[in-house]
Amino acid sequence: MDFTREQIESVVKRKGFKWFDDTGAKNFDVNIIGIRNSSVGQSVTNLFDDRITISYKENGQWKFYSWFATTDPGKKGVLESRAQGGVARLVPGQYRGCYSIGLHQGRYQALRQVKPVKVYRDDDRNLQFNEKTITEGIYGINIHKAGINSTFVENWSEGCQVFKKSSDFDLFMSIIKKAGEIHGNAFTYTLLNSSDFINV
């Protein structure tokens, strides 16, 4: 499940979402795009089988990175969630200015949710994601890291967007901090499905 920057830009624009192309003199106008693996259907895979990507211009040239991540809760997250209404799973869409640099669980800098997002709620614990119930609010759906190089999601995510490798996350945050210095501490996150890329 590998996609180019051009393919991602095409899908984002086709859906009517904002694509930050930095046509002025400023750099690091970042496009943070998650891509959920649609090929597994509604199954809880417990794997880092999705992507988080970032696209931006530096000195007028496009930069693009794509990293293994999860956009879905893991097995422990589903089975042990105490969240009201069941475990959260982010609904695909674009969330403008919903994230800022801050502490994840008070421990390290990550992208923290600061404005409402939409999530599916699933409380049947049958390891099949349910998309019947949608709620909207501030739930701590952060963008953060797992371990050094985690194999299974487990409870690294109960709705958060989570990097598989801490070194990938560290590179991501170094870009985010530069972007924040230039454009301010407000970031947009867009979640797509891999099925959106058919015929792209």
N, C-alpha and C. Protein backbone atom coordinates (compact mmCIF):
# COMPACT_ATOMS: atom_id res chain seq x y z
N MET A 1 0.84 -1.19 0.00
CA MET A 1 0.00 0.00 0.00
C MET A 1 0.88 1.25 0.00
N ASP A 2 1.45 1.54 -1.17
CA ASP A 2 2.31 2.71 -1.31
C ASP A 2 1.69 3.67 -2.32
N PHE A 3 1.65 4.93 -1.96
CA PHE A 3 1.07 5.95 -2.82
C PHE A 3 2.05 7.11 -2.95
N THR A 4 2.04 7.75 -4.10
CA THR A 4 2.92 8.88 -4.33
C THR A 4 2.29 10.16 -3.80
N ARG A 5 3.11 11.19 -3.67
CA ARG A 5 2.59 12.48 -3.26
C ARG A 5 1.56 12.99 -4.26
N GLU A 6 1.84 12.78 -5.54
CA GLU A 6 0.92 13.25 -6.57
C GLU A 6 -0.44 12.55 -6.49
N GLN A 7 -0.43 11.25 -6.21
CA GLN A 7 -1.68 10.52 -6.05
C GLN A 7 -2.47 11.04 -4.85
N ILE A 8 -1.76 11.27 -3.76
CA ILE A 8 -2.43 11.77 -2.55
C ILE A 8 -3.02 13.15 -2.79
N GLU A 9 -2.26 14.02 -3.42
CA GLU A 9 -2.77 15.36 -3.75
C GLU A 9 -4.02 15.27 -4.61
N SER A 10 -4.00 14.37 -5.59
CA SER A 10 -5.15 14.21 -6.49
C SER A 10 -6.40 13.79 -5.73
N VAL A 11 -6.26 12.83 -4.81
CA VAL A 11 -7.42 12.35 -4.05
C VAL A 11 -7.93 13.44 -3.11
N VAL A 12 -7.02 14.11 -2.44
CA VAL A 12 -7.42 15.19 -1.52
C VAL A 12 -8.23 16.25 -2.27
N LYS A 13 -7.75 16.67 -3.41
CA LYS A 13 -8.46 17.71 -4.19
C LYS A 13 -9.77 17.19 -4.75
N ARG A 14 -9.78 15.93 -5.19
CA ARG A 14 -11.00 15.35 -5.74
C ARG A 14 -12.12 15.31 -4.70
N LYS A 15 -11.76 15.13 -3.44
CA LYS A 15 -12.75 15.09 -2.37
C LYS A 15 -13.17 16.49 -1.91
N GLY A 16 -12.55 17.51 -2.50
CA GLY A 16 -12.91 18.87 -2.14
C GLY A 16 -12.24 19.37 -0.88
N PHE A 17 -11.19 18.67 -0.42
CA PHE A 17 -10.45 19.09 0.76
C PHE A 17 -9.37 20.10 0.38
N LYS A 18 -8.87 20.80 1.37
CA LYS A 18 -7.81 21.78 1.17
C LYS A 18 -6.47 21.06 1.02
N TRP A 19 -5.73 21.46 -0.04
CA TRP A 19 -4.35 20.99 -0.23
C TRP A 19 -3.45 22.21 -0.09
N PHE A 20 -2.53 22.17 0.85
CA PHE A 20 -1.66 23.30 1.13
C PHE A 20 -0.46 23.24 0.19
N ASP A 21 -0.41 24.17 -0.79
CA ASP A 21 0.64 24.09 -1.81
C ASP A 21 1.67 25.20 -1.68
N ASP A 22 1.54 26.04 -0.66
CA ASP A 22 2.62 26.96 -0.32
C ASP A 22 3.08 27.77 -1.53
N THR A 23 2.15 28.45 -2.17
CA THR A 23 2.49 29.19 -3.38
C THR A 23 3.26 30.48 -3.09
N GLY A 24 3.26 30.92 -1.82
CA GLY A 24 4.01 32.11 -1.46
C GLY A 24 5.47 31.79 -1.16
N ALA A 25 6.09 32.68 -0.40
CA ALA A 25 7.52 32.54 -0.11
C ALA A 25 7.79 31.60 1.07
N LYS A 26 6.76 31.26 1.83
CA LYS A 26 6.97 30.47 3.04
C LYS A 26 7.15 28.98 2.71
N ASN A 27 7.90 28.30 3.58
CA ASN A 27 8.10 26.86 3.47
C ASN A 27 7.28 26.13 4.54
N PHE A 28 7.29 24.81 4.45
CA PHE A 28 6.75 23.94 5.50
C PHE A 28 5.26 24.16 5.75
N ASP A 29 4.50 24.39 4.67
CA ASP A 29 3.04 24.44 4.77
C ASP A 29 2.56 23.00 4.60
N VAL A 30 2.47 22.26 5.70
CA VAL A 30 2.41 20.80 5.65
C VAL A 30 1.02 20.26 5.35
N ASN A 31 1.00 19.17 4.59
CA ASN A 31 -0.19 18.35 4.37
C ASN A 31 0.04 17.03 5.12
N ILE A 32 -0.69 16.83 6.21
CA ILE A 32 -0.58 15.61 7.01
C ILE A 32 -1.75 14.72 6.62
N ILE A 33 -1.43 13.60 5.96
CA ILE A 33 -2.48 12.74 5.40
C ILE A 33 -2.31 11.31 5.92
N GLY A 34 -3.33 10.79 6.56
CA GLY A 34 -3.36 9.38 6.94
C GLY A 34 -4.10 8.58 5.87
N ILE A 35 -3.65 7.35 5.66
CA ILE A 35 -4.32 6.46 4.69
C ILE A 35 -4.63 5.14 5.38
N ARG A 36 -5.91 4.88 5.55
CA ARG A 36 -6.36 3.63 6.21
C ARG A 36 -6.41 2.51 5.19
N ASN A 37 -5.92 1.35 5.57
CA ASN A 37 -5.91 0.16 4.71
C ASN A 37 -7.32 -0.41 4.58
N SER A 38 -7.95 -0.17 3.44
CA SER A 38 -9.33 -0.64 3.24
C SER A 38 -9.41 -2.12 2.89
N SER A 39 -8.29 -2.71 2.49
CA SER A 39 -8.32 -4.09 1.98
C SER A 39 -8.67 -5.11 3.05
N VAL A 40 -8.55 -4.74 4.32
CA VAL A 40 -8.83 -5.68 5.41
C VAL A 40 -10.27 -5.58 5.88
N GLY A 41 -11.07 -4.74 5.23
CA GLY A 41 -12.47 -4.62 5.62
C GLY A 41 -12.62 -4.03 7.01
N GLN A 42 -13.50 -4.60 7.80
CA GLN A 42 -13.78 -4.08 9.15
C GLN A 42 -13.04 -4.87 10.23
N SER A 43 -12.13 -5.74 9.86
CA SER A 43 -11.43 -6.57 10.84
C SER A 43 -10.43 -5.76 11.65
N VAL A 44 -10.33 -6.07 12.94
CA VAL A 44 -9.28 -5.50 13.78
C VAL A 44 -8.01 -6.30 13.51
N THR A 45 -7.10 -5.73 12.74
CA THR A 45 -5.89 -6.49 12.36
C THR A 45 -4.84 -6.47 13.46
N ASN A 46 -4.87 -5.46 14.33
CA ASN A 46 -3.87 -5.29 15.38
C ASN A 46 -2.48 -5.03 14.81
N LEU A 47 -2.42 -4.58 13.55
CA LEU A 47 -1.15 -4.34 12.87
C LEU A 47 -1.02 -2.87 12.47
N PHE A 48 0.21 -2.45 12.28
CA PHE A 48 0.49 -1.11 11.77
C PHE A 48 0.48 -1.18 10.24
N ASP A 49 -0.71 -1.36 9.69
CA ASP A 49 -0.86 -1.60 8.25
C ASP A 49 -1.48 -0.42 7.52
N ASP A 50 -1.41 0.76 8.14
CA ASP A 50 -1.87 1.99 7.51
C ASP A 50 -0.64 2.88 7.26
N ARG A 51 -0.88 4.11 6.80
CA ARG A 51 0.21 5.05 6.56
C ARG A 51 -0.15 6.42 7.14
N ILE A 52 0.88 7.12 7.62
CA ILE A 52 0.78 8.56 7.84
C ILE A 52 1.83 9.19 6.94
N THR A 53 1.40 10.18 6.16
CA THR A 53 2.29 10.82 5.20
C THR A 53 2.33 12.32 5.47
N ILE A 54 3.40 12.94 4.98
CA ILE A 54 3.49 14.40 5.05
C ILE A 54 4.10 14.91 3.75
N SER A 55 3.51 15.97 3.23
CA SER A 55 3.97 16.61 1.99
C SER A 55 4.07 18.10 2.25
N TYR A 56 5.17 18.70 1.82
CA TYR A 56 5.36 20.14 2.02
C TYR A 56 6.48 20.60 1.10
N LYS A 57 6.55 21.91 0.91
CA LYS A 57 7.62 22.49 0.11
C LYS A 57 8.71 23.07 1.00
N GLU A 58 9.96 22.82 0.59
CA GLU A 58 11.12 23.43 1.23
C GLU A 58 12.00 24.01 0.13
N ASN A 59 12.20 25.31 0.20
CA ASN A 59 12.95 26.02 -0.85
C ASN A 59 12.34 25.78 -2.23
N GLY A 60 11.02 25.74 -2.27
CA GLY A 60 10.31 25.60 -3.54
C GLY A 60 10.21 24.19 -4.07
N GLN A 61 10.79 23.21 -3.37
CA GLN A 61 10.77 21.82 -3.82
C GLN A 61 9.90 20.97 -2.89
N TRP A 62 9.10 20.10 -3.51
CA TRP A 62 8.25 19.22 -2.70
C TRP A 62 9.09 18.20 -1.94
N LYS A 63 8.73 17.99 -0.67
CA LYS A 63 9.26 16.92 0.17
C LYS A 63 8.10 16.01 0.54
N PHE A 64 8.38 14.72 0.59
CA PHE A 64 7.31 13.76 0.86
C PHE A 64 7.85 12.58 1.67
N TYR A 65 7.14 12.24 2.72
CA TYR A 65 7.48 11.08 3.55
C TYR A 65 6.21 10.26 3.78
N SER A 66 6.40 8.94 3.85
CA SER A 66 5.29 8.02 4.14
C SER A 66 5.79 7.00 5.16
N TRP A 67 5.06 6.85 6.26
CA TRP A 67 5.50 5.98 7.34
C TRP A 67 4.41 4.97 7.73
N PHE A 68 4.85 3.79 8.18
CA PHE A 68 3.91 2.80 8.71
C PHE A 68 3.30 3.32 10.01
N ALA A 69 1.99 3.11 10.13
CA ALA A 69 1.26 3.62 11.29
C ALA A 69 -0.04 2.84 11.41
N THR A 70 -0.81 3.18 12.42
CA THR A 70 -2.18 2.68 12.50
C THR A 70 -3.13 3.85 12.65
N THR A 71 -4.24 3.78 11.95
CA THR A 71 -5.32 4.74 12.12
C THR A 71 -6.50 4.08 12.85
N ASP A 72 -6.28 2.85 13.31
CA ASP A 72 -7.32 2.05 13.95
C ASP A 72 -6.89 1.62 15.35
N PRO A 73 -7.83 1.44 16.26
CA PRO A 73 -7.50 0.86 17.56
C PRO A 73 -6.96 -0.56 17.42
N GLY A 74 -6.14 -0.96 18.39
CA GLY A 74 -5.63 -2.32 18.42
C GLY A 74 -6.52 -3.27 19.20
N LYS A 75 -6.10 -4.51 19.28
CA LYS A 75 -6.92 -5.55 19.92
C LYS A 75 -7.22 -5.22 21.39
N LYS A 76 -6.19 -4.90 22.14
CA LYS A 76 -6.42 -4.54 23.55
C LYS A 76 -7.28 -3.29 23.66
N GLY A 77 -7.03 -2.34 22.77
CA GLY A 77 -7.82 -1.12 22.78
C GLY A 77 -9.30 -1.38 22.59
N VAL A 78 -9.61 -2.33 21.70
CA VAL A 78 -11.01 -2.68 21.44
C VAL A 78 -11.61 -3.46 22.61
N LEU A 79 -10.87 -4.45 23.10
CA LEU A 79 -11.41 -5.34 24.12
C LEU A 79 -11.48 -4.71 25.51
N GLU A 80 -10.59 -3.75 25.77
CA GLU A 80 -10.49 -3.21 27.13
C GLU A 80 -10.90 -1.75 27.25
N SER A 81 -11.42 -1.17 26.18
CA SER A 81 -11.78 0.25 26.22
C SER A 81 -12.86 0.52 27.26
N ARG A 82 -12.66 1.61 28.01
CA ARG A 82 -13.66 2.04 28.99
C ARG A 82 -14.36 3.30 28.53
N ALA A 83 -14.12 3.69 27.28
CA ALA A 83 -14.71 4.92 26.76
C ALA A 83 -16.23 4.78 26.67
N GLN A 84 -16.92 5.86 27.00
CA GLN A 84 -18.38 5.86 26.92
C GLN A 84 -18.82 5.63 25.47
N GLY A 85 -19.66 4.62 25.26
CA GLY A 85 -20.14 4.30 23.93
C GLY A 85 -19.25 3.34 23.17
N GLY A 86 -18.09 3.01 23.73
CA GLY A 86 -17.19 2.07 23.08
C GLY A 86 -15.96 2.75 22.52
N VAL A 87 -15.06 1.93 22.02
CA VAL A 87 -13.79 2.43 21.51
C VAL A 87 -14.02 3.38 20.33
N ALA A 88 -13.14 4.38 20.22
CA ALA A 88 -13.25 5.38 19.15
C ALA A 88 -12.40 4.97 17.95
N ARG A 89 -12.88 5.33 16.76
CA ARG A 89 -12.14 5.11 15.51
C ARG A 89 -12.43 6.31 14.62
N LEU A 90 -11.40 7.03 14.24
CA LEU A 90 -11.58 8.29 13.53
C LEU A 90 -12.30 8.08 12.20
N VAL A 91 -13.30 8.92 11.93
CA VAL A 91 -14.04 8.89 10.67
C VAL A 91 -13.18 9.58 9.60
N PRO A 92 -13.03 8.97 8.42
CA PRO A 92 -12.28 9.64 7.35
C PRO A 92 -12.84 11.03 7.05
N GLY A 93 -11.94 11.96 6.77
CA GLY A 93 -12.34 13.33 6.49
C GLY A 93 -11.17 14.26 6.72
N GLN A 94 -11.43 15.55 6.57
CA GLN A 94 -10.39 16.55 6.83
C GLN A 94 -10.78 17.35 8.07
N TYR A 95 -9.82 17.48 8.97
CA TYR A 95 -10.05 18.13 10.25
C TYR A 95 -9.15 19.36 10.32
N ARG A 96 -9.72 20.50 9.92
CA ARG A 96 -8.96 21.75 9.75
C ARG A 96 -8.60 22.35 11.11
N GLY A 97 -7.32 22.56 11.32
CA GLY A 97 -6.84 23.21 12.53
C GLY A 97 -7.17 22.49 13.82
N CYS A 98 -7.38 21.19 13.75
CA CYS A 98 -7.82 20.43 14.92
C CYS A 98 -6.68 19.93 15.80
N TYR A 99 -5.44 20.17 15.39
CA TYR A 99 -4.29 19.64 16.12
C TYR A 99 -3.28 20.73 16.42
N SER A 100 -2.61 20.59 17.56
CA SER A 100 -1.52 21.50 17.91
C SER A 100 -0.44 20.71 18.64
N ILE A 101 0.76 21.26 18.65
CA ILE A 101 1.86 20.62 19.36
C ILE A 101 1.61 20.74 20.86
N GLY A 102 1.68 19.62 21.54
CA GLY A 102 1.47 19.60 22.99
C GLY A 102 1.89 18.25 23.53
N LEU A 103 1.71 18.04 24.81
CA LEU A 103 2.16 16.80 25.43
C LEU A 103 1.11 15.70 25.27
N HIS A 104 1.56 14.53 24.84
CA HIS A 104 0.71 13.34 24.80
C HIS A 104 0.78 12.65 26.15
N GLN A 105 -0.37 12.60 26.82
CA GLN A 105 -0.48 12.01 28.15
C GLN A 105 0.55 12.61 29.11
N GLY A 106 0.91 13.88 28.88
CA GLY A 106 1.83 14.58 29.76
C GLY A 106 3.27 14.12 29.69
N ARG A 107 3.60 13.31 28.64
CA ARG A 107 4.92 12.67 28.62
C ARG A 107 5.88 13.20 27.57
N TYR A 108 5.41 13.46 26.36
CA TYR A 108 6.31 13.92 25.30
C TYR A 108 5.50 14.70 24.27
N GLN A 109 6.20 15.51 23.47
CA GLN A 109 5.51 16.34 22.50
C GLN A 109 5.00 15.50 21.33
N ALA A 110 3.76 15.77 20.97
CA ALA A 110 3.09 15.09 19.86
C ALA A 110 2.08 16.09 19.30
N LEU A 111 1.23 15.63 18.40
CA LEU A 111 0.12 16.46 17.94
C LEU A 111 -1.13 16.08 18.74
N ARG A 112 -1.64 17.04 19.48
CA ARG A 112 -2.79 16.82 20.34
C ARG A 112 -4.05 17.37 19.69
N GLN A 113 -5.14 16.63 19.83
CA GLN A 113 -6.43 17.10 19.34
C GLN A 113 -6.91 18.27 20.19
N VAL A 114 -7.24 19.39 19.53
CA VAL A 114 -7.70 20.58 20.25
C VAL A 114 -9.06 21.09 19.78
N LYS A 115 -9.59 20.51 18.71
CA LYS A 115 -10.92 20.84 18.23
C LYS A 115 -11.67 19.54 17.96
N PRO A 116 -13.01 19.60 17.87
CA PRO A 116 -13.79 18.37 17.70
C PRO A 116 -13.46 17.62 16.40
N VAL A 117 -13.48 16.30 16.50
CA VAL A 117 -13.39 15.41 15.35
C VAL A 117 -14.53 14.40 15.44
N LYS A 118 -14.80 13.73 14.33
CA LYS A 118 -15.84 12.71 14.31
C LYS A 118 -15.22 11.32 14.48
N VAL A 119 -15.85 10.50 15.31
CA VAL A 119 -15.39 9.13 15.51
C VAL A 119 -16.55 8.16 15.44
N TYR A 120 -16.24 6.96 14.94
CA TYR A 120 -17.17 5.85 15.10
C TYR A 120 -17.03 5.34 16.54
N ARG A 121 -18.13 4.87 17.12
CA ARG A 121 -18.11 4.25 18.44
C ARG A 121 -18.52 2.78 18.31
N ASP A 122 -17.74 1.91 18.91
CA ASP A 122 -17.96 0.47 18.78
C ASP A 122 -17.83 -0.16 20.17
N ASP A 123 -18.92 -0.72 20.68
CA ASP A 123 -18.88 -1.28 22.04
C ASP A 123 -19.17 -2.77 22.11
N ASP A 124 -19.19 -3.48 20.95
CA ASP A 124 -19.55 -4.90 21.02
C ASP A 124 -18.34 -5.83 21.19
N ARG A 125 -17.13 -5.30 21.06
CA ARG A 125 -15.90 -6.03 21.37
C ARG A 125 -15.76 -7.34 20.58
N ASN A 126 -16.29 -7.39 19.37
CA ASN A 126 -16.23 -8.63 18.58
C ASN A 126 -15.08 -8.63 17.57
N LEU A 127 -14.18 -7.64 17.68
CA LEU A 127 -13.01 -7.52 16.81
C LEU A 127 -13.38 -7.28 15.35
N GLN A 128 -14.57 -6.73 15.16
CA GLN A 128 -15.00 -6.23 13.85
C GLN A 128 -15.47 -4.80 14.06
N PHE A 129 -14.88 -3.86 13.34
CA PHE A 129 -15.24 -2.47 13.55
C PHE A 129 -16.67 -2.20 13.09
N ASN A 130 -17.38 -1.44 13.90
CA ASN A 130 -18.77 -1.08 13.66
C ASN A 130 -18.81 0.40 13.30
N GLU A 131 -19.48 0.74 12.21
CA GLU A 131 -19.52 2.14 11.76
C GLU A 131 -20.94 2.70 11.81
N LYS A 132 -21.76 2.17 12.71
CA LYS A 132 -23.15 2.60 12.79
C LYS A 132 -23.33 3.87 13.62
N THR A 133 -22.48 4.06 14.62
CA THR A 133 -22.64 5.18 15.55
C THR A 133 -21.49 6.16 15.38
N ILE A 134 -21.81 7.44 15.14
CA ILE A 134 -20.80 8.49 15.03
C ILE A 134 -21.07 9.55 16.09
N THR A 135 -20.02 9.92 16.81
CA THR A 135 -20.11 11.03 17.75
C THR A 135 -19.05 12.06 17.38
N GLU A 136 -19.18 13.28 17.88
CA GLU A 136 -18.23 14.34 17.57
C GLU A 136 -17.85 15.05 18.85
N GLY A 137 -16.55 15.26 19.04
CA GLY A 137 -16.10 15.94 20.25
C GLY A 137 -14.59 15.93 20.35
N ILE A 138 -14.11 16.35 21.50
CA ILE A 138 -12.68 16.31 21.80
C ILE A 138 -12.44 15.11 22.70
N TYR A 139 -11.77 14.11 22.15
CA TYR A 139 -11.62 12.82 22.83
C TYR A 139 -10.16 12.42 23.07
N GLY A 140 -9.23 13.31 22.77
CA GLY A 140 -7.82 12.92 22.88
C GLY A 140 -7.37 12.02 21.75
N ILE A 141 -7.91 12.26 20.55
CA ILE A 141 -7.51 11.49 19.36
C ILE A 141 -6.21 12.12 18.84
N ASN A 142 -5.11 11.80 19.51
CA ASN A 142 -3.83 12.42 19.22
C ASN A 142 -3.08 11.70 18.11
N ILE A 143 -2.02 12.34 17.62
CA ILE A 143 -1.10 11.73 16.67
C ILE A 143 0.21 11.56 17.41
N HIS A 144 0.58 10.30 17.69
CA HIS A 144 1.74 10.04 18.55
C HIS A 144 2.46 8.78 18.10
N LYS A 145 3.36 8.27 18.92
CA LYS A 145 4.19 7.13 18.55
C LYS A 145 3.89 5.91 19.42
N ALA A 146 4.26 4.75 18.88
CA ALA A 146 4.23 3.52 19.67
C ALA A 146 5.63 3.34 20.29
N GLY A 147 6.21 2.13 20.16
CA GLY A 147 7.53 1.89 20.73
C GLY A 147 8.64 2.15 19.73
N ILE A 148 9.80 1.58 20.00
CA ILE A 148 10.95 1.76 19.11
C ILE A 148 10.62 1.25 17.72
N ASN A 149 10.04 0.06 17.65
CA ASN A 149 9.56 -0.51 16.38
C ASN A 149 8.52 -1.57 16.70
N SER A 150 7.32 -1.12 17.01
CA SER A 150 6.28 -2.01 17.53
C SER A 150 5.73 -2.93 16.45
N THR A 151 5.41 -4.15 16.83
CA THR A 151 4.84 -5.14 15.91
C THR A 151 3.32 -5.10 15.94
N PHE A 152 2.74 -5.04 17.13
CA PHE A 152 1.29 -5.08 17.29
C PHE A 152 0.79 -3.78 17.91
N VAL A 153 -0.42 -3.40 17.53
CA VAL A 153 -0.99 -2.14 18.01
C VAL A 153 -1.43 -2.26 19.47
N GLU A 154 -2.14 -3.36 19.78
CA GLU A 154 -2.68 -3.59 21.13
C GLU A 154 -3.36 -2.33 21.65
N ASN A 155 -2.88 -1.73 22.77
CA ASN A 155 -3.54 -0.51 23.25
C ASN A 155 -2.68 0.73 23.03
N TRP A 156 -1.76 0.67 22.06
CA TRP A 156 -1.09 1.91 21.65
C TRP A 156 -2.12 2.88 21.07
N SER A 157 -3.19 2.34 20.48
CA SER A 157 -4.25 3.20 19.96
C SER A 157 -5.60 2.74 20.46
N GLU A 158 -6.36 3.71 21.00
CA GLU A 158 -7.78 3.54 21.25
C GLU A 158 -8.52 4.62 20.48
N GLY A 159 -8.02 4.89 19.27
CA GLY A 159 -8.57 5.93 18.41
C GLY A 159 -7.51 6.86 17.87
N CYS A 160 -6.34 6.91 18.54
CA CYS A 160 -5.26 7.78 18.10
C CYS A 160 -4.65 7.28 16.79
N GLN A 161 -3.95 8.19 16.12
CA GLN A 161 -3.20 7.89 14.91
C GLN A 161 -1.76 7.70 15.35
N VAL A 162 -1.21 6.49 15.18
CA VAL A 162 0.01 6.13 15.90
C VAL A 162 1.09 5.59 14.96
N PHE A 163 2.28 6.16 15.06
CA PHE A 163 3.44 5.71 14.28
C PHE A 163 3.98 4.40 14.82
N LYS A 164 4.35 3.50 13.91
CA LYS A 164 4.93 2.22 14.28
C LYS A 164 6.31 2.38 14.92
N LYS A 165 7.13 3.25 14.35
CA LYS A 165 8.52 3.41 14.78
C LYS A 165 8.73 4.79 15.40
N SER A 166 9.38 4.80 16.55
CA SER A 166 9.62 6.08 17.23
C SER A 166 10.54 6.98 16.41
N SER A 167 11.50 6.42 15.67
CA SER A 167 12.40 7.25 14.87
C SER A 167 11.65 7.96 13.74
N ASP A 168 10.65 7.29 13.16
CA ASP A 168 9.82 7.94 12.14
C ASP A 168 9.04 9.10 12.75
N PHE A 169 8.50 8.86 13.93
CA PHE A 169 7.75 9.91 14.62
C PHE A 169 8.65 11.10 14.95
N ASP A 170 9.87 10.82 15.37
CA ASP A 170 10.79 11.90 15.71
C ASP A 170 11.07 12.78 14.49
N LEU A 171 11.25 12.16 13.33
CA LEU A 171 11.45 12.93 12.10
C LEU A 171 10.20 13.75 11.78
N PHE A 172 9.06 13.12 11.89
CA PHE A 172 7.78 13.81 11.67
C PHE A 172 7.67 15.04 12.56
N MET A 173 7.97 14.89 13.84
CA MET A 173 7.83 16.01 14.77
C MET A 173 8.85 17.11 14.49
N SER A 174 10.02 16.75 14.00
CA SER A 174 11.00 17.79 13.66
C SER A 174 10.48 18.67 12.52
N ILE A 175 9.76 18.05 11.57
CA ILE A 175 9.14 18.81 10.48
C ILE A 175 7.99 19.65 11.02
N ILE A 176 7.18 19.06 11.88
CA ILE A 176 6.03 19.75 12.46
C ILE A 176 6.48 20.99 13.25
N LYS A 177 7.54 20.86 13.99
CA LYS A 177 8.01 22.00 14.79
C LYS A 177 8.49 23.14 13.90
N LYS A 178 9.17 22.82 12.81
CA LYS A 178 9.58 23.86 11.87
C LYS A 178 8.36 24.53 11.25
N ALA A 179 7.36 23.71 10.90
CA ALA A 179 6.13 24.27 10.33
C ALA A 179 5.43 25.18 11.33
N GLY A 180 5.42 24.77 12.60
CA GLY A 180 4.78 25.57 13.63
C GLY A 180 5.44 26.91 13.83
N GLU A 181 6.76 26.93 13.72
CA GLU A 181 7.49 28.19 13.88
C GLU A 181 7.12 29.19 12.78
N ILE A 182 6.81 28.69 11.59
CA ILE A 182 6.50 29.55 10.45
C ILE A 182 5.02 29.90 10.38
N HIS A 183 4.17 28.91 10.56
CA HIS A 183 2.74 29.08 10.29
C HIS A 183 1.86 29.12 11.54
N GLY A 184 2.44 28.87 12.70
CA GLY A 184 1.65 28.86 13.92
C GLY A 184 1.29 27.45 14.36
N ASN A 185 0.88 27.33 15.60
CA ASN A 185 0.66 26.02 16.21
C ASN A 185 -0.78 25.52 15.98
N ALA A 186 -1.13 25.35 14.72
CA ALA A 186 -2.43 24.78 14.35
C ALA A 186 -2.23 23.95 13.10
N PHE A 187 -2.66 22.69 13.14
CA PHE A 187 -2.39 21.75 12.05
C PHE A 187 -3.66 21.03 11.63
N THR A 188 -3.76 20.81 10.34
CA THR A 188 -4.88 20.07 9.75
C THR A 188 -4.46 18.63 9.50
N TYR A 189 -5.35 17.71 9.84
CA TYR A 189 -5.11 16.28 9.56
C TYR A 189 -6.23 15.77 8.68
N THR A 190 -5.85 15.02 7.64
CA THR A 190 -6.81 14.45 6.70
C THR A 190 -6.65 12.94 6.70
N LEU A 191 -7.74 12.22 6.88
CA LEU A 191 -7.72 10.76 6.83
C LEU A 191 -8.46 10.28 5.60
N LEU A 192 -7.77 9.47 4.80
CA LEU A 192 -8.33 8.87 3.58
C LEU A 192 -8.39 7.36 3.76
N ASN A 193 -9.12 6.70 2.87
CA ASN A 193 -9.10 5.24 2.75
C ASN A 193 -8.28 4.84 1.54
N SER A 194 -7.61 3.70 1.61
CA SER A 194 -6.85 3.24 0.45
C SER A 194 -7.76 3.00 -0.74
N SER A 195 -9.04 2.68 -0.51
CA SER A 195 -9.99 2.48 -1.60
C SER A 195 -10.26 3.76 -2.37
N ASP A 196 -9.93 4.91 -1.78
CA ASP A 196 -10.10 6.19 -2.48
C ASP A 196 -9.15 6.30 -3.69
N PHE A 197 -8.12 5.44 -3.72
CA PHE A 197 -7.07 5.56 -4.72
C PHE A 197 -7.31 4.68 -5.94
N ILE A 198 -8.43 3.98 -5.99
CA ILE A 198 -8.75 3.17 -7.16
C ILE A 198 -8.90 4.10 -8.37
N ASN A 199 -8.22 3.75 -9.45
CA ASN A 199 -8.22 4.53 -10.70
C ASN A 199 -7.52 5.87 -10.59
N VAL A 200 -6.67 6.03 -9.58
CA VAL A 200 -5.90 7.27 -9.46
C VAL A 200 -4.49 7.02 -10.01
